[in-house]
Amino acid sequence: SGVRRAINQLQFGDMPSFDESLLLAVEELEAADAGQKHCIVISDGDPSLNRNILTRFRKANVTISCVGVFPHSPSDLARMEMMAEQTGGKYYE
């Protein structure tokens, strides 16, 4: 099936930036007809982040909760905590 082919073609590696994924999420959530809009990010917190994207989440009333796993440094977890705090979501270590 198409889903199986897509899974088999995945390339694993370290994501350099949160930006592309978060933009995809907020675009879809902005268009969604839902009473509550929420995004969950599970990461080591290492990818870079353009903080302007968080402004877009706030304007769209979309919260982000972050789950920090296997961080490289305390600053990685701080980035994840900030993302959640800035959008009204929760942070989990």
PDB file of N, CA and C in Angstrom:
ATOM      1  N   SER A   1       0.838  -1.194   0.000  1.00  0.00           N
ATOM      2  CA  SER A   1       0.000   0.000   0.000  1.00  0.00           C
ATOM      3  C   SER A   1       0.876   1.249   0.000  1.00  0.00           C
ATOM      4  N   GLY A   2       0.279   2.388  -0.249  1.00  0.00           N
ATOM      5  CA  GLY A   2       0.996   3.656  -0.283  1.00  0.00           C
ATOM      6  C   GLY A   2       1.589   4.037   1.062  1.00  0.00           C
ATOM      7  N   VAL A   3       0.860   3.736   2.131  1.00  0.00           N
ATOM      8  CA  VAL A   3       1.351   4.054   3.467  1.00  0.00           C
ATOM      9  C   VAL A   3       2.602   3.225   3.771  1.00  0.00           C
ATOM     10  N   ARG A   4       2.569   1.966   3.460  1.00  0.00           N
ATOM     11  CA  ARG A   4       3.719   1.087   3.710  1.00  0.00           C
ATOM     12  C   ARG A   4       4.941   1.555   2.917  1.00  0.00           C
ATOM     13  N   ARG A   5       4.739   1.931   1.658  1.00  0.00           N
ATOM     14  CA  ARG A   5       5.849   2.434   0.835  1.00  0.00           C
ATOM     15  C   ARG A   5       6.429   3.704   1.454  1.00  0.00           C
ATOM     16  N   ALA A   6       5.557   4.606   1.904  1.00  0.00           N
ATOM     17  CA  ALA A   6       6.027   5.848   2.512  1.00  0.00           C
ATOM     18  C   ALA A   6       6.837   5.575   3.766  1.00  0.00           C
ATOM     19  N   ILE A   7       6.384   4.644   4.578  1.00  0.00           N
ATOM     20  CA  ILE A   7       7.116   4.288   5.802  1.00  0.00           C
ATOM     21  C   ILE A   7       8.474   3.696   5.446  1.00  0.00           C
ATOM     22  N   ASN A   8       8.502   2.827   4.462  1.00  0.00           N
ATOM     23  CA  ASN A   8       9.756   2.185   4.064  1.00  0.00           C
ATOM     24  C   ASN A   8      10.752   3.163   3.447  1.00  0.00           C
ATOM     25  N   GLN A   9      10.277   4.291   2.946  1.00  0.00           N
ATOM     26  CA  GLN A   9      11.153   5.284   2.322  1.00  0.00           C
ATOM     27  C   GLN A   9      11.602   6.378   3.297  1.00  0.00           C
ATOM     28  N   LEU A  10      11.174   6.299   4.550  1.00  0.00           N
ATOM     29  CA  LEU A  10      11.587   7.299   5.529  1.00  0.00           C
ATOM     30  C   LEU A  10      13.096   7.290   5.687  1.00  0.00           C
ATOM     31  N   GLN A  11      13.640   8.491   5.827  1.00  0.00           N
ATOM     32  CA  GLN A  11      15.068   8.618   6.093  1.00  0.00           C
ATOM     33  C   GLN A  11      15.231   9.120   7.515  1.00  0.00           C
ATOM     34  N   PHE A  12      15.935   8.359   8.309  1.00  0.00           N
ATOM     35  CA  PHE A  12      16.118   8.718   9.699  1.00  0.00           C
ATOM     36  C   PHE A  12      17.344   9.607   9.846  1.00  0.00           C
ATOM     37  N   GLY A  13      17.268  10.546  10.767  1.00  0.00           N
ATOM     38  CA  GLY A  13      18.386  11.439  11.020  1.00  0.00           C
ATOM     39  C   GLY A  13      17.945  12.551  11.946  1.00  0.00           C
ATOM     40  N   ASP A  14      18.866  13.407  12.260  1.00  0.00           N
ATOM     41  CA  ASP A  14      18.599  14.505  13.172  1.00  0.00           C
ATOM     42  C   ASP A  14      17.929  15.655  12.422  1.00  0.00           C
ATOM     43  N   MET A  15      16.806  16.106  12.908  1.00  0.00           N
ATOM     44  CA  MET A  15      16.083  17.213  12.302  1.00  0.00           C
ATOM     45  C   MET A  15      16.840  18.511  12.615  1.00  0.00           C
ATOM     46  N   PRO A  16      17.252  19.277  11.602  1.00  0.00           N
ATOM     47  CA  PRO A  16      18.022  20.490  11.861  1.00  0.00           C
ATOM     48  C   PRO A  16      17.189  21.645  12.429  1.00  0.00           C
ATOM     49  N   SER A  17      15.886  21.674  12.116  1.00  0.00           N
ATOM     50  CA  SER A  17      15.045  22.790  12.530  1.00  0.00           C
ATOM     51  C   SER A  17      13.613  22.312  12.786  1.00  0.00           C
ATOM     52  N   PHE A  18      12.977  22.928  13.780  1.00  0.00           N
ATOM     53  CA  PHE A  18      11.561  22.657  14.042  1.00  0.00           C
ATOM     54  C   PHE A  18      10.659  23.369  13.025  1.00  0.00           C
ATOM     55  N   ASP A  19      11.186  24.374  12.346  1.00  0.00           N
ATOM     56  CA  ASP A  19      10.363  25.310  11.585  1.00  0.00           C
ATOM     57  C   ASP A  19       9.429  24.666  10.564  1.00  0.00           C
ATOM     58  N   GLU A  20       9.954  23.820   9.692  1.00  0.00           N
ATOM     59  CA  GLU A  20       9.129  23.237   8.631  1.00  0.00           C
ATOM     60  C   GLU A  20       7.985  22.401   9.210  1.00  0.00           C
ATOM     61  N   SER A  21       8.280  21.594  10.200  1.00  0.00           N
ATOM     62  CA  SER A  21       7.247  20.745  10.797  1.00  0.00           C
ATOM     63  C   SER A  21       6.197  21.576  11.528  1.00  0.00           C
ATOM     64  N   LEU A  22       6.657  22.582  12.273  1.00  0.00           N
ATOM     65  CA  LEU A  22       5.702  23.417  13.003  1.00  0.00           C
ATOM     66  C   LEU A  22       4.833  24.238  12.054  1.00  0.00           C
ATOM     67  N   LEU A  23       5.407  24.703  10.948  1.00  0.00           N
ATOM     68  CA  LEU A  23       4.603  25.443   9.969  1.00  0.00           C
ATOM     69  C   LEU A  23       3.528  24.553   9.355  1.00  0.00           C
ATOM     70  N   LEU A  24       3.880  23.320   9.033  1.00  0.00           N
ATOM     71  CA  LEU A  24       2.875  22.386   8.513  1.00  0.00           C
ATOM     72  C   LEU A  24       1.756  22.183   9.532  1.00  0.00           C
ATOM     73  N   ALA A  25       2.143  22.017  10.789  1.00  0.00           N
ATOM     74  CA  ALA A  25       1.148  21.785  11.845  1.00  0.00           C
ATOM     75  C   ALA A  25       0.235  22.985  12.011  1.00  0.00           C
ATOM     76  N   VAL A  26       0.795  24.179  12.125  1.00  0.00           N
ATOM     77  CA  VAL A  26      -0.040  25.352  12.383  1.00  0.00           C
ATOM     78  C   VAL A  26      -0.938  25.673  11.182  1.00  0.00           C
ATOM     79  N   GLU A  27      -0.450  25.445   9.969  1.00  0.00           N
ATOM     80  CA  GLU A  27      -1.292  25.683   8.787  1.00  0.00           C
ATOM     81  C   GLU A  27      -2.526  24.792   8.808  1.00  0.00           C
ATOM     82  N   GLU A  28      -2.336  23.522   9.114  1.00  0.00           N
ATOM     83  CA  GLU A  28      -3.469  22.598   9.164  1.00  0.00           C
ATOM     84  C   GLU A  28      -4.396  22.908  10.336  1.00  0.00           C
ATOM     85  N   LEU A  29      -3.804  23.240  11.469  1.00  0.00           N
ATOM     86  CA  LEU A  29      -4.631  23.526  12.647  1.00  0.00           C
ATOM     87  C   LEU A  29      -5.392  24.837  12.511  1.00  0.00           C
ATOM     88  N   GLU A  30      -4.831  25.826  11.828  1.00  0.00           N
ATOM     89  CA  GLU A  30      -5.548  27.080  11.575  1.00  0.00           C
ATOM     90  C   GLU A  30      -6.821  26.802  10.779  1.00  0.00           C
ATOM     91  N   ALA A  31      -6.742  25.862   9.858  1.00  0.00           N
ATOM     92  CA  ALA A  31      -7.876  25.555   8.985  1.00  0.00           C
ATOM     93  C   ALA A  31      -8.864  24.584   9.620  1.00  0.00           C
ATOM     94  N   ALA A  32      -8.475  23.951  10.700  1.00  0.00           N
ATOM     95  CA  ALA A  32      -9.324  22.937  11.328  1.00  0.00           C
ATOM     96  C   ALA A  32     -10.508  23.569  12.045  1.00  0.00           C
ATOM     97  N   ASP A  33     -11.654  22.922  11.928  1.00  0.00           N
ATOM     98  CA  ASP A  33     -12.853  23.360  12.623  1.00  0.00           C
ATOM     99  C   ASP A  33     -12.921  22.584  13.937  1.00  0.00           C
ATOM    100  N   ALA A  34     -12.235  23.120  14.946  1.00  0.00           N
ATOM    101  CA  ALA A  34     -12.164  22.422  16.235  1.00  0.00           C
ATOM    102  C   ALA A  34     -12.235  23.445  17.361  1.00  0.00           C
ATOM    103  N   GLY A  35     -12.803  23.026  18.463  1.00  0.00           N
ATOM    104  CA  GLY A  35     -12.915  23.907  19.614  1.00  0.00           C
ATOM    105  C   GLY A  35     -11.590  24.108  20.316  1.00  0.00           C
ATOM    106  N   GLN A  36     -10.728  23.108  20.246  1.00  0.00           N
ATOM    107  CA  GLN A  36      -9.409  23.186  20.867  1.00  0.00           C
ATOM    108  C   GLN A  36      -8.379  22.681  19.869  1.00  0.00           C
ATOM    109  N   LYS A  37      -7.286  23.410  19.745  1.00  0.00           N
ATOM    110  CA  LYS A  37      -6.244  23.048  18.788  1.00  0.00           C
ATOM    111  C   LYS A  37      -4.923  22.929  19.525  1.00  0.00           C
ATOM    112  N   HIS A  38      -4.282  21.773  19.352  1.00  0.00           N
ATOM    113  CA  HIS A  38      -3.100  21.459  20.140  1.00  0.00           C
ATOM    114  C   HIS A  38      -2.097  20.680  19.305  1.00  0.00           C
ATOM    115  N   CYS A  39      -0.832  20.957  19.498  1.00  0.00           N
ATOM    116  CA  CYS A  39       0.255  20.277  18.804  1.00  0.00           C
ATOM    117  C   CYS A  39       1.163  19.662  19.867  1.00  0.00           C
ATOM    118  N   ILE A  40       1.640  18.450  19.631  1.00  0.00           N
ATOM    119  CA  ILE A  40       2.558  17.782  20.557  1.00  0.00           C
ATOM    120  C   ILE A  40       3.888  17.569  19.840  1.00  0.00           C
ATOM    121  N   VAL A  41       4.951  18.053  20.458  1.00  0.00           N
ATOM    122  CA  VAL A  41       6.298  17.905  19.915  1.00  0.00           C
ATOM    123  C   VAL A  41       7.084  16.982  20.845  1.00  0.00           C
ATOM    124  N   ILE A  42       7.597  15.897  20.302  1.00  0.00           N
ATOM    125  CA  ILE A  42       8.442  14.968  21.042  1.00  0.00           C
ATOM    126  C   ILE A  42       9.827  15.043  20.409  1.00  0.00           C
ATOM    127  N   SER A  43      10.815  15.477  21.191  1.00  0.00           N
ATOM    128  CA  SER A  43      12.134  15.725  20.608  1.00  0.00           C
ATOM    129  C   SER A  43      13.209  15.768  21.688  1.00  0.00           C
ATOM    130  N   ASP A  44      14.467  15.739  21.228  1.00  0.00           N
ATOM    131  CA  ASP A  44      15.582  15.967  22.139  1.00  0.00           C
ATOM    132  C   ASP A  44      15.820  17.461  22.338  1.00  0.00           C
ATOM    133  N   GLY A  45      15.076  18.300  21.609  1.00  0.00           N
ATOM    134  CA  GLY A  45      15.164  19.747  21.759  1.00  0.00           C
ATOM    135  C   GLY A  45      16.309  20.379  21.004  1.00  0.00           C
ATOM    136  N   ASP A  46      17.060  19.595  20.259  1.00  0.00           N
ATOM    137  CA  ASP A  46      18.246  20.063  19.553  1.00  0.00           C
ATOM    138  C   ASP A  46      17.953  20.932  18.323  1.00  0.00           C
ATOM    139  N   PRO A  47      16.854  20.700  17.575  1.00  0.00           N
ATOM    140  CA  PRO A  47      16.611  21.498  16.369  1.00  0.00           C
ATOM    141  C   PRO A  47      16.480  22.993  16.680  1.00  0.00           C
ATOM    142  N   SER A  48      16.882  23.808  15.717  1.00  0.00           N
ATOM    143  CA  SER A  48      16.746  25.255  15.864  1.00  0.00           C
ATOM    144  C   SER A  48      15.269  25.641  15.726  1.00  0.00           C
ATOM    145  N   LEU A  49      14.964  26.876  16.099  1.00  0.00           N
ATOM    146  CA  LEU A  49      13.575  27.339  16.071  1.00  0.00           C
ATOM    147  C   LEU A  49      13.527  28.817  15.754  1.00  0.00           C
ATOM    148  N   ASN A  50      12.712  29.176  14.775  1.00  0.00           N
ATOM    149  CA  ASN A  50      12.405  30.575  14.505  1.00  0.00           C
ATOM    150  C   ASN A  50      11.233  30.938  15.419  1.00  0.00           C
ATOM    151  N   ARG A  51      11.476  31.770  16.405  1.00  0.00           N
ATOM    152  CA  ARG A  51      10.451  32.076  17.409  1.00  0.00           C
ATOM    153  C   ARG A  51       9.226  32.782  16.833  1.00  0.00           C
ATOM    154  N   ASN A  52       9.332  33.348  15.629  1.00  0.00           N
ATOM    155  CA  ASN A  52       8.167  33.981  14.997  1.00  0.00           C
ATOM    156  C   ASN A  52       7.052  32.966  14.757  1.00  0.00           C
ATOM    157  N   ILE A  53       7.423  31.717  14.593  1.00  0.00           N
ATOM    158  CA  ILE A  53       6.419  30.670  14.388  1.00  0.00           C
ATOM    159  C   ILE A  53       5.525  30.552  15.623  1.00  0.00           C
ATOM    160  N   LEU A  54       6.101  30.735  16.805  1.00  0.00           N
ATOM    161  CA  LEU A  54       5.306  30.651  18.033  1.00  0.00           C
ATOM    162  C   LEU A  54       4.265  31.760  18.088  1.00  0.00           C
ATOM    163  N   THR A  55       4.579  32.914  17.525  1.00  0.00           N
ATOM    164  CA  THR A  55       3.604  34.013  17.447  1.00  0.00           C
ATOM    165  C   THR A  55       2.400  33.583  16.614  1.00  0.00           C
ATOM    166  N   ARG A  56       2.664  32.886  15.543  1.00  0.00           N
ATOM    167  CA  ARG A  56       1.575  32.394  14.692  1.00  0.00           C
ATOM    168  C   ARG A  56       0.711  31.393  15.447  1.00  0.00           C
ATOM    169  N   PHE A  57       1.323  30.514  16.236  1.00  0.00           N
ATOM    170  CA  PHE A  57       0.568  29.571  17.056  1.00  0.00           C
ATOM    171  C   PHE A  57      -0.326  30.323  18.039  1.00  0.00           C
ATOM    172  N   ARG A  58       0.237  31.347  18.702  1.00  0.00           N
ATOM    173  CA  ARG A  58      -0.562  32.110  19.672  1.00  0.00           C
ATOM    174  C   ARG A  58      -1.740  32.806  19.006  1.00  0.00           C
ATOM    175  N   LYS A  59      -1.500  33.437  17.860  1.00  0.00           N
ATOM    176  CA  LYS A  59      -2.574  34.142  17.142  1.00  0.00           C
ATOM    177  C   LYS A  59      -3.682  33.188  16.717  1.00  0.00           C
ATOM    178  N   ALA A  60      -3.320  31.940  16.420  1.00  0.00           N
ATOM    179  CA  ALA A  60      -4.298  30.939  15.989  1.00  0.00           C
ATOM    180  C   ALA A  60      -4.894  30.177  17.175  1.00  0.00           C
ATOM    181  N   ASN A  61      -4.493  30.542  18.392  1.00  0.00           N
ATOM    182  CA  ASN A  61      -4.951  29.848  19.608  1.00  0.00           C
ATOM    183  C   ASN A  61      -4.648  28.356  19.554  1.00  0.00           C
ATOM    184  N   VAL A  62      -3.437  28.044  19.100  1.00  0.00           N
ATOM    185  CA  VAL A  62      -2.967  26.656  19.055  1.00  0.00           C
ATOM    186  C   VAL A  62      -1.879  26.511  20.109  1.00  0.00           C
ATOM    187  N   THR A  63      -2.074  25.596  21.025  1.00  0.00           N
ATOM    188  CA  THR A  63      -1.071  25.347  22.062  1.00  0.00           C
ATOM    189  C   THR A  63      -0.112  24.248  21.606  1.00  0.00           C
ATOM    190  N   ILE A  64       1.087  24.283  22.190  1.00  0.00           N
ATOM    191  CA  ILE A  64       2.090  23.252  21.923  1.00  0.00           C
ATOM    192  C   ILE A  64       2.502  22.653  23.255  1.00  0.00           C
ATOM    193  N   SER A  65       2.422  21.347  23.356  1.00  0.00           N
ATOM    194  CA  SER A  65       3.024  20.653  24.491  1.00  0.00           C
ATOM    195  C   SER A  65       4.265  19.945  23.984  1.00  0.00           C
ATOM    196  N   CYS A  66       5.315  19.966  24.794  1.00  0.00           N
ATOM    197  CA  CYS A  66       6.592  19.388  24.398  1.00  0.00           C
ATOM    198  C   CYS A  66       7.006  18.299  25.367  1.00  0.00           C
ATOM    199  N   VAL A  67       7.508  17.223  24.802  1.00  0.00           N
ATOM    200  CA  VAL A  67       8.054  16.123  25.586  1.00  0.00           C
ATOM    201  C   VAL A  67       9.536  16.031  25.233  1.00  0.00           C
ATOM    202  N   GLY A  68      10.393  16.314  26.216  1.00  0.00           N
ATOM    203  CA  GLY A  68      11.829  16.267  26.004  1.00  0.00           C
ATOM    204  C   GLY A  68      12.365  14.864  26.265  1.00  0.00           C
ATOM    205  N   VAL A  69      13.039  14.296  25.262  1.00  0.00           N
ATOM    206  CA  VAL A  69      13.608  12.954  25.413  1.00  0.00           C
ATOM    207  C   VAL A  69      15.075  12.959  24.968  1.00  0.00           C
ATOM    208  N   PHE A  70      15.927  12.374  25.769  1.00  0.00           N
ATOM    209  CA  PHE A  70      17.346  12.220  25.470  1.00  0.00           C
ATOM    210  C   PHE A  70      18.011  13.518  24.994  1.00  0.00           C
ATOM    211  N   PRO A  71      17.906  14.606  25.780  1.00  0.00           N
ATOM    212  CA  PRO A  71      18.500  15.882  25.362  1.00  0.00           C
ATOM    213  C   PRO A  71      20.032  15.805  25.356  1.00  0.00           C
ATOM    214  N   HIS A  72      20.626  16.678  24.560  1.00  0.00           N
ATOM    215  CA  HIS A  72      22.084  16.772  24.512  1.00  0.00           C
ATOM    216  C   HIS A  72      22.608  17.731  25.580  1.00  0.00           C
ATOM    217  N   SER A  73      21.783  18.710  25.936  1.00  0.00           N
ATOM    218  CA  SER A  73      22.219  19.708  26.917  1.00  0.00           C
ATOM    219  C   SER A  73      20.982  20.325  27.587  1.00  0.00           C
ATOM    220  N   PRO A  74      21.196  20.994  28.725  1.00  0.00           N
ATOM    221  CA  PRO A  74      20.070  21.666  29.384  1.00  0.00           C
ATOM    222  C   PRO A  74      19.410  22.735  28.503  1.00  0.00           C
ATOM    223  N   SER A  75      20.180  23.360  27.608  1.00  0.00           N
ATOM    224  CA  SER A  75      19.584  24.383  26.736  1.00  0.00           C
ATOM    225  C   SER A  75      18.584  23.772  25.762  1.00  0.00           C
ATOM    226  N   ASP A  76      18.770  22.506  25.389  1.00  0.00           N
ATOM    227  CA  ASP A  76      17.806  21.838  24.513  1.00  0.00           C
ATOM    228  C   ASP A  76      16.458  21.711  25.215  1.00  0.00           C
ATOM    229  N   LEU A  77      16.486  21.323  26.477  1.00  0.00           N
ATOM    230  CA  LEU A  77      15.243  21.207  27.243  1.00  0.00           C
ATOM    231  C   LEU A  77      14.625  22.580  27.480  1.00  0.00           C
ATOM    232  N   ALA A  78      15.476  23.585  27.674  1.00  0.00           N
ATOM    233  CA  ALA A  78      14.970  24.944  27.881  1.00  0.00           C
ATOM    234  C   ALA A  78      14.204  25.418  26.640  1.00  0.00           C
ATOM    235  N   ARG A  79      14.679  25.075  25.457  1.00  0.00           N
ATOM    236  CA  ARG A  79      13.985  25.451  24.214  1.00  0.00           C
ATOM    237  C   ARG A  79      12.600  24.807  24.176  1.00  0.00           C
ATOM    238  N   MET A  80      12.535  23.543  24.542  1.00  0.00           N
ATOM    239  CA  MET A  80      11.252  22.835  24.547  1.00  0.00           C
ATOM    240  C   MET A  80      10.302  23.440  25.583  1.00  0.00           C
ATOM    241  N   GLU A  81      10.815  23.747  26.745  1.00  0.00           N
ATOM    242  CA  GLU A  81       9.996  24.343  27.801  1.00  0.00           C
ATOM    243  C   GLU A  81       9.472  25.706  27.360  1.00  0.00           C
ATOM    244  N   MET A  82      10.321  26.501  26.700  1.00  0.00           N
ATOM    245  CA  MET A  82       9.920  27.817  26.209  1.00  0.00           C
ATOM    246  C   MET A  82       8.819  27.708  25.152  1.00  0.00           C
ATOM    247  N   MET A  83       8.933  26.732  24.254  1.00  0.00           N
ATOM    248  CA  MET A  83       7.914  26.550  23.210  1.00  0.00           C
ATOM    249  C   MET A  83       6.549  26.310  23.850  1.00  0.00           C
ATOM    250  N   ALA A  84       6.514  25.446  24.850  1.00  0.00           N
ATOM    251  CA  ALA A  84       5.254  25.144  25.525  1.00  0.00           C
ATOM    252  C   ALA A  84       4.738  26.375  26.272  1.00  0.00           C
ATOM    253  N   GLU A  85       5.619  27.016  27.000  1.00  0.00           N
ATOM    254  CA  GLU A  85       5.216  28.179  27.800  1.00  0.00           C
ATOM    255  C   GLU A  85       4.690  29.306  26.916  1.00  0.00           C
ATOM    256  N   GLN A  86       5.349  29.571  25.810  1.00  0.00           N
ATOM    257  CA  GLN A  86       4.965  30.682  24.938  1.00  0.00           C
ATOM    258  C   GLN A  86       3.610  30.473  24.260  1.00  0.00           C
ATOM    259  N   THR A  87       3.164  29.228  24.163  1.00  0.00           N
ATOM    260  CA  THR A  87       1.903  28.959  23.463  1.00  0.00           C
ATOM    261  C   THR A  87       0.792  28.493  24.406  1.00  0.00           C
ATOM    262  N   GLY A  88       1.086  28.433  25.701  1.00  0.00           N
ATOM    263  CA  GLY A  88       0.063  28.003  26.657  1.00  0.00           C
ATOM    264  C   GLY A  88      -0.052  26.497  26.811  1.00  0.00           C
ATOM    265  N   GLY A  89       0.938  25.777  26.310  1.00  0.00           N
ATOM    266  CA  GLY A  89       0.942  24.328  26.422  1.00  0.00           C
ATOM    267  C   GLY A  89       1.679  23.887  27.674  1.00  0.00           C
ATOM    268  N   LYS A  90       2.030  22.612  27.719  1.00  0.00           N
ATOM    269  CA  LYS A  90       2.744  22.051  28.866  1.00  0.00           C
ATOM    270  C   LYS A  90       4.046  21.422  28.397  1.00  0.00           C
ATOM    271  N   TYR A  91       4.988  21.352  29.328  1.00  0.00           N
ATOM    272  CA  TYR A  91       6.280  20.743  29.057  1.00  0.00           C
ATOM    273  C   TYR A  91       6.447  19.522  29.934  1.00  0.00           C
ATOM    274  N   TYR A  92       6.945  18.460  29.340  1.00  0.00           N
ATOM    275  CA  TYR A  92       7.187  17.207  30.068  1.00  0.00           C
ATOM    276  C   TYR A  92       8.603  16.740  29.775  1.00  0.00           C
ATOM    277  N   GLU A  93       9.314  16.357  30.823  1.00  0.00           N
ATOM    278  CA  GLU A  93      10.672  15.860  30.656  1.00  0.00           C
ATOM    279  C   GLU A  93      10.659  14.355  30.671  1.00  0.00           C
TER     280      GLU A  93
END
